[in-house]
Protein backbone atom coordinates (compact mmCIF):
# COMPACT_ATOMS: atom_id res chain seq x y z
CA MET A 1 0.65 -49.52 -20.25
CA ALA A 2 2.08 -50.57 -23.50
CA ALA A 3 -0.71 -52.65 -24.23
CA ALA A 4 -3.01 -49.98 -23.03
CA ARG A 5 -1.63 -47.48 -25.65
CA LEU A 6 -1.80 -50.22 -28.72
CA ALA A 7 -5.62 -50.70 -27.93
CA ALA A 8 -6.02 -47.05 -27.60
CA SER A 9 -4.52 -46.72 -31.00
CA LEU A 10 -6.17 -49.54 -32.66
CA LEU A 11 -9.99 -48.24 -31.35
CA LEU A 12 -8.76 -44.71 -32.99
CA LEU A 13 -7.64 -46.19 -36.37
CA ALA A 14 -10.85 -48.12 -36.28
CA ALA A 15 -13.00 -45.22 -35.35
CA GLN A 16 -11.34 -43.41 -38.00
CA VAL A 17 -11.42 -45.69 -40.82
CA ALA A 18 -15.58 -46.23 -39.94
CA CYS A 19 -16.06 -42.42 -40.88
CA GLU A 20 -16.74 -42.57 -44.47
CA PHE A 21 -17.65 -39.95 -46.90
CA GLY A 22 -21.03 -39.83 -49.00
CA VAL A 23 -22.87 -37.62 -51.34
CA LEU A 24 -26.27 -35.73 -51.00
CA ARG A 25 -27.86 -35.48 -54.18
CA VAL A 26 -30.09 -32.43 -53.84
CA VAL A 27 -32.93 -31.43 -56.99
CA PRO A 28 -35.53 -29.30 -56.45
CA GLN A 29 -39.32 -30.71 -55.82
CA SER A 30 -40.64 -28.88 -58.87
CA GLY A 31 -38.16 -30.50 -61.59
CA GLY A 32 -36.94 -27.26 -62.65
CA THR A 33 -33.48 -28.04 -63.09
CA ARG A 34 -30.93 -30.17 -62.62
CA GLY A 35 -29.65 -31.43 -58.95
CA ARG A 36 -26.26 -30.79 -57.23
CA ASP A 37 -24.39 -33.05 -55.08
CA TYR A 38 -23.23 -32.35 -51.08
CA CYS A 39 -20.27 -33.50 -49.12
CA ILE A 40 -21.48 -35.39 -46.00
CA LEU A 41 -19.89 -37.67 -43.47
CA TYR A 42 -21.98 -40.84 -42.25
CA ASN A 43 -20.69 -43.66 -40.36
CA PRO A 44 -21.33 -47.11 -42.33
CA GLN A 45 -21.79 -49.16 -38.98
CA TRP A 46 -25.92 -47.43 -38.77
CA ALA A 47 -26.35 -48.13 -42.05
CA HIS A 48 -24.59 -48.53 -45.58
CA LEU A 49 -25.27 -45.95 -48.50
CA PRO A 50 -25.51 -47.92 -51.92
CA HIS A 51 -22.84 -47.13 -54.28
CA ASP A 52 -25.04 -46.14 -57.50
CA LEU A 53 -26.75 -43.35 -57.47
CA ASN A 54 -29.13 -45.20 -60.04
CA LYS A 55 -30.50 -47.47 -57.15
CA VAL A 56 -31.80 -44.78 -54.89
CA SER A 57 -34.74 -43.21 -54.52
CA LEU A 58 -35.51 -39.64 -54.36
CA LEU A 59 -37.20 -39.04 -51.17
CA LYS A 60 -38.27 -35.22 -49.53
CA LEU A 61 -36.26 -33.63 -47.28
CA ARG A 62 -38.05 -32.69 -44.35
CA ASP A 63 -36.44 -29.61 -42.68
CA LEU A 64 -36.53 -29.52 -38.91
CA SER A 65 -32.97 -27.65 -38.61
CA THR A 66 -34.29 -25.41 -35.98
CA THR A 67 -34.66 -28.51 -33.44
CA GLN A 68 -32.53 -30.87 -32.24
CA LEU A 69 -34.52 -33.92 -32.16
CA CYS A 70 -33.67 -34.87 -28.51
CA SER A 71 -37.24 -36.14 -27.30
CA HIS A 72 -40.87 -36.85 -28.75
CA LEU A 73 -41.52 -33.11 -28.18
CA ASP A 74 -39.38 -32.83 -31.28
CA VAL A 75 -40.96 -34.74 -33.01
CA PRO A 76 -43.98 -33.26 -35.55
CA VAL A 77 -47.47 -34.36 -36.05
CA GLU A 78 -47.07 -35.92 -39.17
CA ASP A 79 -44.31 -38.18 -39.45
CA PHE A 80 -41.51 -38.52 -41.34
CA THR A 81 -42.86 -41.56 -43.35
CA ASN A 82 -40.72 -41.38 -47.01
CA GLN A 83 -38.76 -38.91 -46.06
CA ILE A 84 -35.47 -38.19 -44.86
CA ALA A 85 -35.54 -35.79 -41.50
CA LEU A 86 -33.23 -32.82 -41.41
CA VAL A 87 -32.55 -31.82 -37.92
CA ALA A 88 -29.93 -30.09 -35.76
CA ARG A 89 -26.85 -31.26 -34.16
CA GLY A 90 -26.64 -30.82 -30.25
CA ASN A 91 -28.06 -31.63 -26.89
CA CYS A 92 -28.19 -35.23 -26.91
CA THR A 93 -26.66 -37.98 -28.84
CA PHE A 94 -26.76 -39.71 -32.26
CA TYR A 95 -28.32 -42.72 -31.31
CA GLU A 96 -31.09 -40.55 -29.33
CA LYS A 97 -32.02 -38.16 -32.67
CA VAL A 98 -31.69 -41.51 -35.30
CA ARG A 99 -33.63 -43.73 -32.70
CA LEU A 100 -36.24 -41.33 -33.00
CA ALA A 101 -36.14 -40.29 -36.65
CA GLN A 102 -36.39 -44.24 -37.45
CA GLY A 103 -39.41 -44.61 -34.92
CA SER A 104 -41.48 -41.89 -36.83
CA GLY A 105 -41.03 -43.79 -40.20
CA ALA A 106 -38.14 -41.53 -41.85
CA HIS A 107 -35.70 -43.64 -44.16
CA GLY A 108 -32.47 -41.58 -43.33
CA LEU A 109 -31.28 -38.66 -41.05
CA LEU A 110 -29.57 -35.69 -41.68
CA ILE A 111 -28.05 -33.63 -38.58
CA VAL A 112 -26.55 -30.07 -39.66
CA SER A 113 -23.47 -28.96 -37.73
CA LYS A 114 -21.99 -25.50 -37.46
CA GLU A 115 -18.94 -27.10 -36.28
CA ARG A 116 -16.65 -29.46 -37.64
CA LEU A 117 -17.84 -32.29 -38.91
CA VAL A 118 -17.35 -35.48 -36.62
CA PRO A 119 -18.29 -38.83 -37.34
CA PRO A 120 -21.45 -40.05 -35.91
CA ARG A 121 -20.71 -42.92 -33.31
CA GLY A 122 -22.49 -45.19 -31.34
CA ASN A 123 -22.19 -48.22 -29.63
CA LYS A 124 -22.35 -51.94 -30.80
CA THR A 125 -25.90 -52.41 -29.51
CA GLN A 126 -27.26 -49.32 -31.00
CA TYR A 127 -25.56 -50.25 -34.19
CA GLU A 128 -27.30 -53.62 -34.69
CA GLU A 129 -30.67 -51.67 -33.56
CA ILE A 130 -30.34 -48.53 -36.28
CA SER A 131 -31.26 -49.82 -40.00
CA ILE A 132 -31.51 -46.02 -41.40
CA PRO A 133 -28.21 -44.18 -42.40
CA VAL A 134 -27.48 -41.38 -40.16
CA ALA A 135 -24.60 -38.29 -41.89
CA LEU A 136 -23.79 -34.84 -40.70
CA LEU A 137 -24.36 -32.10 -43.10
CA SER A 138 -22.14 -28.94 -42.71
CA HIS A 139 -24.37 -25.44 -41.90
CA ARG A 140 -22.45 -24.10 -45.07
CA ASP A 141 -23.82 -26.14 -47.41
CA LEU A 142 -27.42 -26.33 -45.90
CA GLN A 143 -27.41 -22.67 -46.84
CA ASP A 144 -26.29 -22.96 -49.94
CA ILE A 145 -29.25 -25.47 -50.78
CA PHE A 146 -31.63 -23.31 -49.41
CA ARG A 147 -30.04 -20.42 -51.32
CA ARG A 148 -30.70 -22.43 -54.84
CA PHE A 149 -33.45 -24.39 -54.45
CA GLY A 150 -35.49 -23.52 -51.28
CA HIS A 151 -36.69 -25.33 -48.94
CA GLU A 152 -39.06 -27.94 -50.96
CA VAL A 153 -36.64 -30.44 -52.11
CA MET A 154 -35.64 -34.17 -53.03
CA VAL A 155 -33.03 -35.94 -51.65
CA ALA A 156 -30.76 -38.48 -52.16
CA LEU A 157 -27.90 -40.67 -50.16
CA TYR A 158 -25.36 -42.69 -51.28
CA ALA A 159 -21.83 -43.55 -51.57
CA PRO A 160 -19.64 -43.68 -54.95
CA SER A 161 -17.02 -45.98 -54.90
CA GLU A 162 -13.47 -44.86 -54.92
CA PRO A 163 -11.52 -45.97 -58.03
CA VAL A 164 -8.35 -47.75 -57.77
CA MET A 165 -6.12 -44.61 -58.71
CA ASP A 166 -7.76 -41.22 -58.21
CA TYR A 167 -6.63 -39.32 -61.41
CA ASN A 168 -7.82 -35.90 -59.51
CA MET A 169 -4.33 -36.46 -57.71
CA VAL A 170 -2.31 -37.33 -60.82
CA ILE A 171 -3.78 -34.10 -62.96
CA ILE A 172 -2.64 -32.11 -59.14
CA PHE A 173 0.76 -33.44 -59.10
CA ILE A 174 0.96 -33.12 -63.27
CA MET A 175 -0.03 -29.69 -62.76
CA ALA A 176 1.55 -28.38 -59.26
CA VAL A 177 5.24 -29.93 -60.63
CA GLY A 178 4.81 -29.51 -64.07
CA THR A 179 4.20 -25.56 -62.57
CA VAL A 180 7.36 -25.30 -60.38
CA ALA A 181 9.47 -27.27 -63.22
CA LEU A 182 8.13 -24.86 -66.00
CA GLY A 183 8.83 -21.62 -64.09
CA GLY A 184 12.17 -22.93 -62.92
CA TYR A 185 13.39 -23.28 -66.58
CA TRP A 186 11.81 -20.30 -67.54
CA ALA A 187 13.50 -18.23 -64.96
CA GLY A 188 16.80 -19.96 -65.60
CA SER A 189 16.90 -20.04 -69.39
CA HIS A 190 16.32 -16.03 -68.86
CA ASP A 191 19.23 -15.91 -66.45
CA VAL A 192 21.21 -17.68 -69.31
CA LYS A 193 20.26 -15.39 -72.08
CA LYS A 194 20.92 -12.22 -69.87
CA ARG A 195 24.60 -13.52 -68.95
CA TYR A 196 25.07 -14.50 -72.92
CA MET A 197 23.74 -10.93 -74.25
CA LYS A 198 25.93 -9.36 -71.32
CA HIS A 199 28.84 -11.44 -72.18
CA LYS A 200 28.79 -10.19 -76.18
CA ARG A 201 28.26 -6.87 -75.30
CA ASP A 202 25.06 -6.12 -76.46
CA ASP A 203 24.27 -2.57 -75.81
CA VAL A 204 20.45 -3.10 -76.25
CA PRO A 205 18.86 -2.41 -72.62
CA GLU A 206 16.75 -5.12 -70.85
CA LYS A 207 12.89 -4.11 -70.55
CA GLN A 208 11.61 -2.93 -67.13
CA GLU A 209 9.11 -5.85 -66.71
CA ASP A 210 11.62 -8.23 -67.62
CA GLU A 211 13.90 -7.60 -64.65
CA ALA A 212 14.09 -9.94 -62.24
CA VAL A 213 13.45 -9.05 -58.12
CA ASP A 214 15.62 -10.02 -55.89
CA VAL A 215 13.80 -11.05 -52.18
CA THR A 216 16.08 -9.58 -49.50
CA PRO A 217 15.66 -10.14 -45.76
CA VAL A 218 13.77 -6.88 -45.41
CA MET A 219 11.31 -8.05 -48.06
CA ILE A 220 10.44 -11.39 -46.50
CA CYS A 221 9.80 -9.70 -43.06
CA VAL A 222 7.55 -7.16 -44.88
CA PHE A 223 5.58 -9.67 -46.74
CA VAL A 224 5.00 -11.78 -43.66
CA VAL A 225 3.84 -9.35 -41.55
CA MET A 226 1.75 -7.80 -44.37
CA CYS A 227 0.01 -11.47 -44.39
CA CYS A 228 -0.48 -11.71 -40.81
CA PHE A 229 -2.38 -7.63 -41.04
CA MET A 230 -4.57 -8.60 -43.60
CA LEU A 231 -5.09 -12.00 -42.37
CA VAL A 232 -6.68 -10.53 -39.02
CA LEU A 233 -8.77 -7.38 -40.91
CA LEU A 234 -9.66 -10.37 -43.15
CA TYR A 235 -11.02 -12.23 -39.91
CA TYR A 236 -12.91 -9.53 -38.49
CA PHE A 237 -14.35 -7.62 -41.86
CA TYR A 238 -14.37 -10.52 -44.35
CA ASP A 239 -17.91 -9.67 -46.09
CA ARG A 240 -16.01 -6.47 -47.36
CA LEU A 241 -12.62 -7.72 -48.04
CA VAL A 242 -13.15 -10.82 -49.66
CA TYR A 243 -13.83 -8.69 -53.10
CA VAL A 244 -10.58 -6.44 -52.40
CA ILE A 245 -8.38 -10.42 -52.69
CA ILE A 246 -10.59 -11.18 -55.27
CA GLY A 247 -9.69 -7.85 -57.22
CA ILE A 248 -6.22 -8.25 -56.74
CA PHE A 249 -6.03 -12.01 -57.36
CA CYS A 250 -7.79 -11.01 -61.14
CA LEU A 251 -5.36 -8.07 -61.26
CA ALA A 252 -2.07 -9.74 -60.93
CA SER A 253 -3.54 -13.04 -62.39
CA SER A 254 -4.16 -10.84 -65.72
CA THR A 255 -0.71 -9.46 -65.35
CA GLY A 256 1.16 -12.94 -65.08
CA LEU A 257 -1.21 -14.58 -68.31
CA TYR A 258 0.48 -11.67 -70.22
CA SER A 259 3.57 -12.22 -69.00
CA CYS A 260 3.34 -15.71 -70.38
CA LEU A 261 1.68 -15.67 -73.19
CA ALA A 262 3.83 -12.24 -74.21
CA PRO A 263 6.82 -14.44 -75.61
CA CYS A 264 4.58 -16.46 -78.06
CA VAL A 265 2.35 -13.51 -79.14
CA ARG A 266 6.03 -11.99 -80.44
CA LYS A 267 6.52 -14.48 -82.43
CA LEU A 268 3.67 -14.11 -84.52
CA PRO A 269 3.82 -12.89 -88.00
CA PHE A 270 0.67 -10.49 -88.21
CA CYS A 271 -0.66 -7.59 -86.46
CA THR A 272 3.16 -6.24 -86.07
CA CYS A 273 1.86 -2.51 -86.89
CA ARG A 274 1.99 0.02 -83.83
CA VAL A 275 -0.07 2.65 -82.69
CA PRO A 276 0.22 6.14 -83.92
CA ASP A 277 2.01 8.76 -82.13
CA ASN A 278 0.44 9.87 -79.23
CA ASN A 279 1.07 11.69 -75.63
CA LEU A 280 -1.02 8.87 -73.58
CA PRO A 281 0.82 7.61 -70.33
CA TYR A 282 1.62 3.60 -72.08
CA PHE A 283 0.68 4.25 -75.53
CA HIS A 284 3.37 6.91 -76.27
CA LYS A 285 5.86 4.15 -76.37
CA ARG A 286 4.05 2.70 -79.98
CA PRO A 287 3.04 -0.74 -78.68
CA GLN A 288 1.95 -3.45 -81.45
CA ALA A 289 -1.24 -3.81 -82.31
CA ARG A 290 -0.85 -7.65 -81.32
CA MET A 291 0.03 -6.78 -77.49
CA LEU A 292 -2.82 -4.46 -77.39
CA LEU A 293 -4.92 -7.32 -78.44
CA LEU A 294 -2.91 -9.76 -76.09
CA ALA A 295 -3.41 -7.19 -73.23
CA LEU A 296 -7.11 -7.04 -73.90
CA PHE A 297 -7.44 -10.74 -73.97
CA CYS A 298 -5.96 -11.19 -70.41
CA VAL A 299 -8.06 -8.67 -68.80
CA THR A 300 -11.12 -10.40 -70.22
CA VAL A 301 -10.22 -13.77 -69.22
CA SER A 302 -9.39 -12.30 -65.58
CA VAL A 303 -13.03 -10.61 -65.57
CA VAL A 304 -15.09 -13.26 -67.14
CA TRP A 305 -13.55 -15.28 -64.21
CA GLY A 306 -14.29 -12.94 -61.82
CA VAL A 307 -18.08 -12.42 -62.59
CA PHE A 308 -18.60 -16.32 -62.85
CA ARG A 309 -16.29 -17.46 -59.99
CA ASN A 310 -19.08 -19.46 -58.08
CA GLU A 311 -20.06 -21.63 -61.44
CA ASP A 312 -18.24 -25.13 -60.60
CA GLN A 313 -19.39 -26.21 -64.16
CA TRP A 314 -16.53 -24.49 -65.60
CA ALA A 315 -15.08 -21.59 -63.85
CA TRP A 316 -12.21 -24.08 -62.52
CA VAL A 317 -10.73 -24.15 -65.77
CA LEU A 318 -10.29 -20.09 -66.03
CA GLN A 319 -9.43 -20.86 -62.50
CA ASP A 320 -6.41 -22.86 -62.59
CA THR A 321 -5.51 -21.80 -65.55
CA LEU A 322 -4.95 -17.72 -64.18
CA GLY A 323 -3.14 -19.43 -61.04
CA ILE A 324 -0.51 -21.40 -62.71
CA ALA A 325 0.02 -18.02 -64.82
CA PHE A 326 0.21 -16.13 -61.94
CA CYS A 327 2.72 -18.72 -60.57
CA LEU A 328 4.95 -18.74 -63.72
CA TYR A 329 5.08 -15.70 -63.43
CA MET A 330 6.31 -15.33 -59.69
CA LEU A 331 8.68 -17.48 -60.45
CA ARG A 332 10.08 -15.92 -63.10
CA THR A 333 10.36 -12.66 -61.74
CA ILE A 334 11.27 -13.60 -58.11
CA ARG A 335 14.21 -14.81 -57.10
CA LEU A 336 15.67 -15.72 -53.97
CA PRO A 337 19.55 -15.18 -54.40
CA THR A 338 21.65 -16.30 -51.72
CA PHE A 339 20.69 -19.48 -48.88
CA LYS A 340 20.21 -17.29 -46.20
CA ALA A 341 16.98 -15.80 -48.21
CA CYS A 342 15.39 -19.40 -48.73
CA THR A 343 15.93 -20.55 -45.07
CA LEU A 344 14.68 -17.26 -43.94
CA LEU A 345 11.58 -17.23 -45.90
CA LEU A 346 10.87 -20.77 -45.41
CA LEU A 347 11.23 -20.22 -41.40
CA VAL A 348 9.14 -17.14 -41.12
CA LEU A 349 6.31 -18.56 -43.19
CA PHE A 350 6.70 -21.87 -40.97
CA VAL A 351 5.95 -20.26 -37.87
CA TYR A 352 3.44 -17.86 -39.52
CA ASP A 353 1.33 -21.22 -40.31
CA ILE A 354 1.85 -23.14 -37.10
CA PHE A 355 0.51 -19.61 -35.62
CA PHE A 356 -2.79 -18.83 -37.59
CA VAL A 357 -3.67 -22.50 -37.38
CA PHE A 358 -2.92 -24.40 -33.91
CA ILE A 359 -2.25 -21.33 -31.32
CA THR A 360 -5.01 -18.90 -32.84
CA PRO A 361 -7.72 -21.31 -31.88
CA TYR A 362 -6.73 -20.87 -28.25
CA LEU A 363 -7.09 -17.11 -29.20
CA THR A 364 -10.57 -16.44 -31.01
CA LYS A 365 -13.60 -16.63 -28.83
CA SER A 366 -15.17 -19.56 -31.17
CA GLY A 367 -12.30 -21.42 -30.62
CA ASN A 368 -11.42 -21.55 -34.49
CA SER A 369 -8.45 -21.36 -36.12
CA ILE A 370 -7.99 -17.64 -37.73
CA MET A 371 -6.54 -19.37 -40.92
CA VAL A 372 -9.20 -22.18 -41.73
CA GLU A 373 -11.73 -19.67 -40.85
CA VAL A 374 -10.69 -17.22 -43.58
CA ALA A 375 -9.76 -19.43 -46.24
CA THR A 376 -13.52 -21.64 -46.02
CA GLY A 377 -14.90 -18.25 -45.16
CA PRO A 378 -17.19 -17.56 -41.97
CA SER A 379 -20.44 -19.69 -41.64
CA ASN A 380 -21.74 -16.65 -40.87
CA SER A 381 -21.19 -14.72 -43.90
CA SER A 382 -23.72 -12.66 -46.19
CA THR A 383 -21.68 -12.84 -49.27
CA HIS A 384 -21.73 -16.70 -49.91
CA GLU A 385 -18.24 -16.84 -51.14
CA LYS A 386 -16.47 -20.43 -51.38
CA GLY A 387 -13.44 -18.75 -49.58
CA CYS A 388 -11.16 -16.39 -50.35
CA TRP A 389 -7.75 -15.90 -52.00
CA TRP A 390 -4.38 -15.80 -49.12
CA PRO A 391 -0.97 -16.69 -48.88
CA THR A 392 0.29 -19.92 -47.27
CA ALA A 393 3.47 -21.42 -46.33
CA THR A 394 2.97 -24.15 -49.60
CA GLY A 395 1.50 -21.68 -51.93
CA LEU A 396 1.95 -17.85 -52.99
CA ILE A 397 -2.46 -17.92 -53.04
CA SER A 398 -4.87 -20.77 -52.78
CA ARG A 399 -8.38 -20.81 -53.10
CA CYS A 400 -9.69 -23.38 -50.07
CA SER A 401 -13.07 -25.37 -49.40
CA PRO A 402 -15.70 -24.77 -52.11
CA PRO A 403 -19.62 -25.73 -50.72
CA GLY A 404 -20.27 -29.20 -52.12
CA PHE A 405 -19.01 -31.75 -53.67
CA THR A 406 -17.83 -32.40 -57.19
CA LEU A 407 -15.74 -35.47 -58.33
CA TRP A 408 -13.93 -33.28 -61.08
CA PRO A 409 -13.87 -29.58 -60.67
CA ALA A 410 -13.13 -29.35 -56.52
CA PRO A 411 -9.87 -30.33 -56.13
CA LEU A 412 -8.34 -29.10 -59.04
CA PRO A 413 -7.69 -25.21 -57.70
CA MET A 414 -5.44 -26.03 -55.14
CA ALA A 415 -3.36 -27.67 -57.71
CA TRP A 416 -1.27 -24.58 -58.89
CA ALA A 417 -1.02 -23.47 -55.06
CA SER A 418 2.87 -24.62 -55.18
CA TRP A 419 5.43 -22.64 -55.85
């Protein structure tokens, strides 16, 4: 029995090792705009992918995503010569699909999957018979390709070599740990300063926005119940509520950015003049001009991100900046005064994550996790959003599952999610 278990474990490990991620480079057939990369899952035992994109030829993508390519009847009259076939998953094995594609002259096979991507497996004999690569592409990425480039595209399959040290992970670690350390130091230094001022019997009252909020067990329970309620609403009404969540994040992140930059701006020697006397709700306190300019700057940054949030080339910089600022603001403002509150918060969030990730697949018709479905965005969503902002046990808010595959900006938005 022990030997059988060990053999099964080795087979499972071998299957996991055989599965690798590659890159699908897509460019328009007209050559009008630059290309874009998407993540694919392939099995190198079928055929290896080259590591250098410059050594790969761009081939036309033959769109047969409405068929499964399970019989000769699914093969078009015009064969796949010098093309990469795109077919749907289902109704037959991966071997049957790739055998028909190779027999029709295809140089590669892409299988579109609406479900979770799994390694395209086969047996040793089948591996030796097939000489073209076969990979799985998510249905969400295919929709993004058609939306950006249309149905006439040129593609190339390759698998870039992984570096010895992933600098993305180093940056993520620095950002996450640095955010927690800086936020803790900021909150602690403010508490020490407040105690010192109280000891000196300073009669100057603390500003309302500088007051910390002590989290009570009742607040924790209300917070988790609200998270559950909103998560279920997002699952059923994602297309409408996703913009509400994005709007809430823009408002909260601009407040956090203002709170982080305000102490630095107050030390500047210029723009110290105040607004004239007035009866407006906020301006009657006659704030300084530099603070008004700071508020305008923070709102502008948040609005710019909200408008251009799907720009993969640079929007992630604003996204990380706003996220870090918001986490610092939360660490600075919210306090867990007792060990009981800390334990209760971690416990209920642990149960919250376990239930919505591992239990809800047994309760939904699709068999998918509610939290994963909301975090990645439903495959049939008409908004084309990359995911949503949502509370998790390891982070107050996080944005998940960017479509496509980018070597630099994709991992970074998650860096600030820990608090």
